[in-house]
Structures are given as structure tokens and as C-alpha cells.
């Protein structure tokens, strides 16, 4: 699945991700995997959204970029946890049908 992380956030978290990889003692070596684990780990904690927002703002990242990213990330986290995907997302992200618990669209073809 493709998860869109703005360049400003990737650059801002570079040192944090280096430390995170070091702390995993070789269990995570891929930077993209480390970034995803780091962000979703923070967002899964109680108060994590507020803490992550403040962290990104303190790193000088524009508030609009941070808010848009958090909204997108929380939406994607909700969809992953609940298995609720649209047909477009299933196709775009190559999501197997057995991981889909509910389709999030009620679009119907118009009557001719």
C-alpha cells in the first residue's frame, strides 16, 4: 500500500528515525518501514496525535502540512484497523479481498 508522507515531514523526522532504527537493534533496517512504524506507533498512543502535532510544529513544519498529514494518517489508520476500503482504494493499493471487511462506498449505477 502507498502511504503519502510529505517530504517536509520525512526530512524533519530524519534524526528521530535514525535513533528509532538504532533502538530496534537491527530488527528494522528499512527507512520507510521505520518511518511508518514510528509514526503509527506514536499515533496509536494515548495523546499521541497531540504529541506528534507538537513535535512536527517544533521542527518548523507548516501547520497546514501537519494537519493535512495527520488527517490523512488517521483516516488510513482507521481504514486499516476496520478493513473498510473503497473499490478504488482496493485497486490502487492492491488490497487483497480477504482483508476487506466492508466497502466504504454505496455508489450505484444510474438507471438508464
N, C-alpha and C. Protein backbone atom coordinates (compact mmCIF):
# COMPACT_ATOMS: atom_id res chain seq x y z
N UNK A 1 0.84 -1.17 0.00
CA UNK A 1 0.00 0.00 0.00
C UNK A 1 0.89 1.24 0.00
N UNK A 2 0.45 2.26 -0.67
CA UNK A 2 1.19 3.51 -0.73
C UNK A 2 0.64 4.47 0.32
N UNK A 3 1.53 4.98 1.14
CA UNK A 3 1.15 5.93 2.17
C UNK A 3 1.93 7.20 1.89
N UNK A 4 1.22 8.29 1.67
CA UNK A 4 1.84 9.54 1.27
C UNK A 4 2.36 10.31 2.49
N UNK A 5 3.69 10.47 2.55
CA UNK A 5 4.29 11.24 3.63
C UNK A 5 5.00 12.44 2.99
N UNK A 6 4.58 13.65 3.32
CA UNK A 6 5.21 14.83 2.72
C UNK A 6 6.71 14.89 3.00
N UNK A 7 7.45 15.36 2.03
CA UNK A 7 8.91 15.47 2.12
C UNK A 7 9.33 16.25 3.36
N UNK A 8 8.61 17.31 3.71
CA UNK A 8 8.95 18.12 4.88
C UNK A 8 8.92 17.29 6.16
N UNK A 9 7.97 16.38 6.25
CA UNK A 9 7.86 15.53 7.44
C UNK A 9 8.97 14.48 7.44
N UNK A 10 9.24 13.89 6.29
CA UNK A 10 10.33 12.90 6.19
C UNK A 10 11.66 13.55 6.61
N UNK A 11 11.92 14.73 6.06
CA UNK A 11 13.16 15.43 6.39
C UNK A 11 13.21 15.84 7.86
N UNK A 12 12.09 16.29 8.40
CA UNK A 12 12.03 16.73 9.79
C UNK A 12 12.23 15.60 10.78
N UNK A 13 11.87 14.38 10.39
CA UNK A 13 11.98 13.24 11.30
C UNK A 13 13.24 12.41 11.07
N UNK A 14 14.14 12.89 10.23
CA UNK A 14 15.32 12.11 9.85
C UNK A 14 16.13 11.62 11.06
N UNK A 15 16.45 12.52 12.00
CA UNK A 15 17.24 12.13 13.17
C UNK A 15 16.45 11.20 14.09
N UNK A 16 15.15 11.44 14.20
CA UNK A 16 14.30 10.58 15.03
C UNK A 16 14.28 9.16 14.48
N UNK A 17 14.21 9.05 13.15
CA UNK A 17 14.16 7.74 12.51
C UNK A 17 15.50 7.02 12.66
N UNK A 18 16.61 7.76 12.54
CA UNK A 18 17.93 7.17 12.76
C UNK A 18 18.02 6.56 14.16
N UNK A 19 17.56 7.30 15.16
CA UNK A 19 17.57 6.81 16.54
C UNK A 19 16.63 5.61 16.69
N UNK A 20 15.46 5.68 16.08
CA UNK A 20 14.48 4.59 16.15
C UNK A 20 15.08 3.30 15.57
N UNK A 21 15.74 3.41 14.42
CA UNK A 21 16.36 2.23 13.80
C UNK A 21 17.44 1.66 14.72
N UNK A 22 18.23 2.54 15.33
CA UNK A 22 19.28 2.11 16.25
C UNK A 22 18.69 1.38 17.46
N UNK A 23 17.58 1.91 17.98
CA UNK A 23 16.95 1.31 19.16
C UNK A 23 16.30 -0.05 18.88
N UNK A 24 15.96 -0.31 17.61
CA UNK A 24 15.36 -1.61 17.27
C UNK A 24 16.40 -2.71 17.16
N UNK A 25 17.67 -2.35 17.29
CA UNK A 25 18.79 -3.31 17.29
C UNK A 25 18.77 -4.23 16.08
N UNK A 26 18.56 -3.63 14.91
CA UNK A 26 18.63 -4.38 13.67
C UNK A 26 17.35 -5.06 13.23
N UNK A 27 16.30 -4.98 14.04
CA UNK A 27 15.03 -5.60 13.65
C UNK A 27 14.38 -4.85 12.50
N UNK A 28 14.57 -3.53 12.46
CA UNK A 28 14.07 -2.72 11.35
C UNK A 28 15.29 -2.05 10.72
N UNK A 29 15.49 -2.31 9.44
CA UNK A 29 16.62 -1.71 8.74
C UNK A 29 16.18 -0.79 7.60
N UNK A 30 14.98 -0.98 7.11
CA UNK A 30 14.46 -0.17 6.01
C UNK A 30 13.90 1.15 6.56
N UNK A 31 14.36 2.27 6.00
CA UNK A 31 13.94 3.59 6.49
C UNK A 31 12.43 3.81 6.33
N UNK A 32 11.87 3.37 5.23
CA UNK A 32 10.42 3.55 5.00
C UNK A 32 9.62 2.77 6.04
N UNK A 33 10.03 1.53 6.30
CA UNK A 33 9.36 0.73 7.33
C UNK A 33 9.50 1.40 8.70
N UNK A 34 10.70 1.89 8.99
CA UNK A 34 10.94 2.54 10.28
C UNK A 34 10.07 3.79 10.43
N UNK A 35 9.95 4.56 9.36
CA UNK A 35 9.13 5.78 9.39
C UNK A 35 7.67 5.44 9.65
N UNK A 36 7.16 4.43 8.97
CA UNK A 36 5.76 4.02 9.16
C UNK A 36 5.52 3.50 10.58
N UNK A 37 6.42 2.64 11.08
CA UNK A 37 6.29 2.11 12.44
C UNK A 37 6.36 3.23 13.48
N UNK A 38 7.27 4.15 13.26
CA UNK A 38 7.44 5.27 14.18
C UNK A 38 6.18 6.13 14.25
N UNK A 39 5.67 6.51 13.08
CA UNK A 39 4.50 7.39 13.04
C UNK A 39 3.26 6.68 13.57
N UNK A 40 3.00 5.46 13.09
CA UNK A 40 1.81 4.76 13.57
C UNK A 40 1.92 4.39 15.04
N UNK A 41 3.14 4.16 15.51
CA UNK A 41 3.33 3.90 16.93
C UNK A 41 2.95 5.10 17.78
N UNK A 42 3.39 6.27 17.36
CA UNK A 42 3.04 7.49 18.09
C UNK A 42 1.53 7.73 18.03
N UNK A 43 0.94 7.60 16.86
CA UNK A 43 -0.48 7.88 16.70
C UNK A 43 -1.36 6.88 17.45
N UNK A 44 -0.81 5.71 17.78
CA UNK A 44 -1.58 4.69 18.50
C UNK A 44 -1.59 4.91 20.01
N UNK A 45 -0.68 5.74 20.48
CA UNK A 45 -0.60 6.01 21.92
C UNK A 45 -1.65 7.02 22.36
N UNK A 46 -2.07 6.92 23.62
CA UNK A 46 -3.00 7.90 24.17
C UNK A 46 -2.30 9.27 24.17
N UNK A 47 -2.93 10.26 23.59
CA UNK A 47 -2.35 11.59 23.49
C UNK A 47 -1.31 11.70 22.38
N UNK A 48 -1.17 10.65 21.60
CA UNK A 48 -0.14 10.61 20.56
C UNK A 48 -0.33 11.62 19.45
N UNK A 49 -1.58 11.89 19.07
CA UNK A 49 -1.84 12.84 17.98
C UNK A 49 -1.37 14.23 18.40
N UNK A 50 -1.74 14.64 19.61
CA UNK A 50 -1.33 15.95 20.11
C UNK A 50 0.19 16.04 20.23
N UNK A 51 0.80 14.98 20.76
CA UNK A 51 2.24 14.96 20.92
C UNK A 51 2.95 15.04 19.56
N UNK A 52 2.46 14.27 18.58
CA UNK A 52 3.08 14.25 17.26
C UNK A 52 2.90 15.60 16.56
N UNK A 53 1.72 16.19 16.73
CA UNK A 53 1.46 17.52 16.16
C UNK A 53 2.48 18.53 16.71
N UNK A 54 2.64 18.54 18.03
CA UNK A 54 3.57 19.48 18.66
C UNK A 54 5.02 19.22 18.22
N UNK A 55 5.38 17.94 18.07
CA UNK A 55 6.73 17.58 17.62
C UNK A 55 7.01 18.14 16.22
N UNK A 56 6.05 17.94 15.32
CA UNK A 56 6.24 18.39 13.94
C UNK A 56 6.27 19.91 13.84
N UNK A 57 5.42 20.58 14.60
CA UNK A 57 5.40 22.05 14.61
C UNK A 57 6.72 22.57 15.17
N UNK A 58 7.23 21.92 16.23
CA UNK A 58 8.50 22.33 16.83
C UNK A 58 9.67 22.17 15.86
N UNK A 59 9.52 21.26 14.91
CA UNK A 59 10.56 21.05 13.90
C UNK A 59 10.43 22.04 12.74
N UNK A 60 9.46 22.96 12.84
CA UNK A 60 9.32 24.01 11.84
C UNK A 60 8.51 23.64 10.62
N UNK A 61 7.73 22.59 10.72
CA UNK A 61 6.89 22.17 9.59
C UNK A 61 5.59 22.97 9.61
N UNK A 62 5.17 23.43 8.45
CA UNK A 62 3.98 24.26 8.30
C UNK A 62 2.75 23.57 8.90
N UNK A 63 1.93 24.33 9.63
CA UNK A 63 0.75 23.79 10.29
C UNK A 63 -0.22 23.13 9.31
N UNK A 64 -0.39 23.71 8.13
CA UNK A 64 -1.30 23.14 7.14
C UNK A 64 -0.83 21.77 6.69
N UNK A 65 0.47 21.63 6.46
CA UNK A 65 1.03 20.33 6.06
C UNK A 65 0.83 19.31 7.17
N UNK A 66 1.09 19.72 8.40
CA UNK A 66 0.94 18.82 9.55
C UNK A 66 -0.51 18.38 9.72
N UNK A 67 -1.44 19.33 9.68
CA UNK A 67 -2.86 18.98 9.84
C UNK A 67 -3.36 18.07 8.73
N UNK A 68 -3.00 18.37 7.49
CA UNK A 68 -3.41 17.53 6.36
C UNK A 68 -2.84 16.12 6.50
N UNK A 69 -1.58 16.03 6.90
CA UNK A 69 -0.94 14.73 7.07
C UNK A 69 -1.58 13.94 8.20
N UNK A 70 -1.86 14.59 9.31
CA UNK A 70 -2.49 13.88 10.43
C UNK A 70 -3.89 13.40 10.07
N UNK A 71 -4.66 14.24 9.39
CA UNK A 71 -6.00 13.82 8.95
C UNK A 71 -5.91 12.60 8.04
N UNK A 72 -4.99 12.65 7.06
CA UNK A 72 -4.80 11.55 6.13
C UNK A 72 -4.35 10.29 6.88
N UNK A 73 -3.39 10.43 7.80
CA UNK A 73 -2.85 9.29 8.53
C UNK A 73 -3.91 8.64 9.42
N UNK A 74 -4.69 9.46 10.10
CA UNK A 74 -5.75 8.90 10.97
C UNK A 74 -6.82 8.21 10.14
N UNK A 75 -7.13 8.76 8.99
CA UNK A 75 -8.10 8.11 8.09
C UNK A 75 -7.57 6.75 7.62
N UNK A 76 -6.30 6.71 7.21
CA UNK A 76 -5.71 5.46 6.74
C UNK A 76 -5.62 4.44 7.89
N UNK A 77 -5.28 4.89 9.08
CA UNK A 77 -5.21 4.00 10.25
C UNK A 77 -6.58 3.41 10.54
N UNK A 78 -7.62 4.23 10.50
CA UNK A 78 -8.99 3.77 10.72
C UNK A 78 -9.36 2.71 9.68
N UNK A 79 -9.04 3.00 8.42
CA UNK A 79 -9.37 2.08 7.34
C UNK A 79 -8.64 0.74 7.51
N UNK A 80 -7.37 0.78 7.92
CA UNK A 80 -6.61 -0.45 8.10
C UNK A 80 -7.16 -1.27 9.26
N UNK A 81 -7.46 -0.61 10.36
CA UNK A 81 -7.97 -1.32 11.54
C UNK A 81 -9.33 -1.94 11.26
N UNK A 82 -10.20 -1.20 10.56
CA UNK A 82 -11.56 -1.66 10.33
C UNK A 82 -11.75 -2.38 9.01
N UNK A 83 -10.75 -2.41 8.16
CA UNK A 83 -10.85 -3.09 6.87
C UNK A 83 -11.91 -2.50 5.97
N UNK A 84 -12.10 -1.20 6.05
CA UNK A 84 -13.15 -0.53 5.29
C UNK A 84 -12.51 0.26 4.15
N UNK A 85 -12.61 -0.26 2.93
CA UNK A 85 -11.94 0.31 1.77
C UNK A 85 -12.94 0.52 0.64
N UNK A 86 -12.68 1.53 -0.16
CA UNK A 86 -13.49 1.72 -1.37
C UNK A 86 -12.93 0.81 -2.46
N UNK A 87 -13.70 0.61 -3.51
CA UNK A 87 -13.23 -0.21 -4.63
C UNK A 87 -11.99 0.43 -5.26
N UNK A 88 -11.96 1.74 -5.34
CA UNK A 88 -10.81 2.44 -5.89
C UNK A 88 -9.56 2.16 -5.05
N UNK A 89 -9.68 2.26 -3.73
CA UNK A 89 -8.54 2.01 -2.85
C UNK A 89 -8.07 0.56 -2.93
N UNK A 90 -9.01 -0.36 -3.04
CA UNK A 90 -8.63 -1.77 -3.17
C UNK A 90 -7.78 -1.97 -4.42
N UNK A 91 -8.17 -1.32 -5.50
CA UNK A 91 -7.43 -1.44 -6.75
C UNK A 91 -6.11 -0.67 -6.67
N UNK A 92 -6.16 0.56 -6.20
CA UNK A 92 -4.98 1.43 -6.16
C UNK A 92 -3.89 0.88 -5.23
N UNK A 93 -4.26 0.35 -4.06
CA UNK A 93 -3.30 -0.12 -3.07
C UNK A 93 -3.08 -1.63 -3.12
N UNK A 94 -3.72 -2.31 -4.08
CA UNK A 94 -3.60 -3.78 -4.21
C UNK A 94 -3.96 -4.50 -2.91
N UNK A 95 -5.10 -4.14 -2.35
CA UNK A 95 -5.55 -4.73 -1.10
C UNK A 95 -6.28 -6.04 -1.42
N UNK A 96 -5.82 -7.16 -0.84
CA UNK A 96 -6.50 -8.44 -1.09
C UNK A 96 -7.94 -8.41 -0.57
N UNK A 97 -8.83 -9.09 -1.28
CA UNK A 97 -10.24 -9.09 -0.89
C UNK A 97 -10.46 -9.66 0.51
N UNK A 98 -9.61 -10.60 0.93
CA UNK A 98 -9.81 -11.19 2.26
C UNK A 98 -9.48 -10.21 3.39
N UNK A 99 -8.83 -9.08 3.08
CA UNK A 99 -8.55 -8.06 4.10
C UNK A 99 -9.65 -6.99 4.15
N UNK A 100 -10.61 -7.06 3.24
CA UNK A 100 -11.69 -6.07 3.19
C UNK A 100 -12.87 -6.62 3.98
N UNK A 101 -13.25 -5.87 5.02
CA UNK A 101 -14.38 -6.27 5.84
C UNK A 101 -15.66 -5.57 5.41
N UNK A 102 -15.50 -4.39 4.80
CA UNK A 102 -16.66 -3.60 4.37
C UNK A 102 -16.21 -2.65 3.28
N UNK A 103 -17.08 -2.43 2.33
CA UNK A 103 -16.77 -1.48 1.26
C UNK A 103 -17.35 -0.13 1.65
N UNK A 104 -16.54 0.92 1.56
CA UNK A 104 -16.94 2.22 2.09
C UNK A 104 -17.71 3.08 1.09
N UNK A 105 -18.14 2.50 0.02
CA UNK A 105 -18.91 3.28 -0.95
C UNK A 105 -20.27 2.64 -1.17
N UNK A 106 -21.26 3.47 -1.38
CA UNK A 106 -22.58 2.95 -1.71
C UNK A 106 -23.00 3.44 -3.08
N UNK A 107 -22.00 3.70 -3.95
CA UNK A 107 -22.27 4.17 -5.30
C UNK A 107 -23.05 3.13 -6.08
N UNK A 108 -24.06 3.60 -6.79
CA UNK A 108 -24.86 2.72 -7.62
C UNK A 108 -24.89 3.29 -9.03
N UNK A 109 -24.95 2.39 -10.01
CA UNK A 109 -25.04 2.84 -11.39
C UNK A 109 -26.38 3.54 -11.61
N UNK A 110 -26.39 4.63 -12.37
CA UNK A 110 -27.65 5.33 -12.63
C UNK A 110 -28.57 4.47 -13.51
N UNK A 111 -29.85 4.65 -13.32
CA UNK A 111 -30.82 3.94 -14.17
C UNK A 111 -30.90 4.63 -15.52
N UNK A 112 -30.84 3.86 -16.57
CA UNK A 112 -30.96 4.44 -17.92
C UNK A 112 -32.37 4.36 -18.41
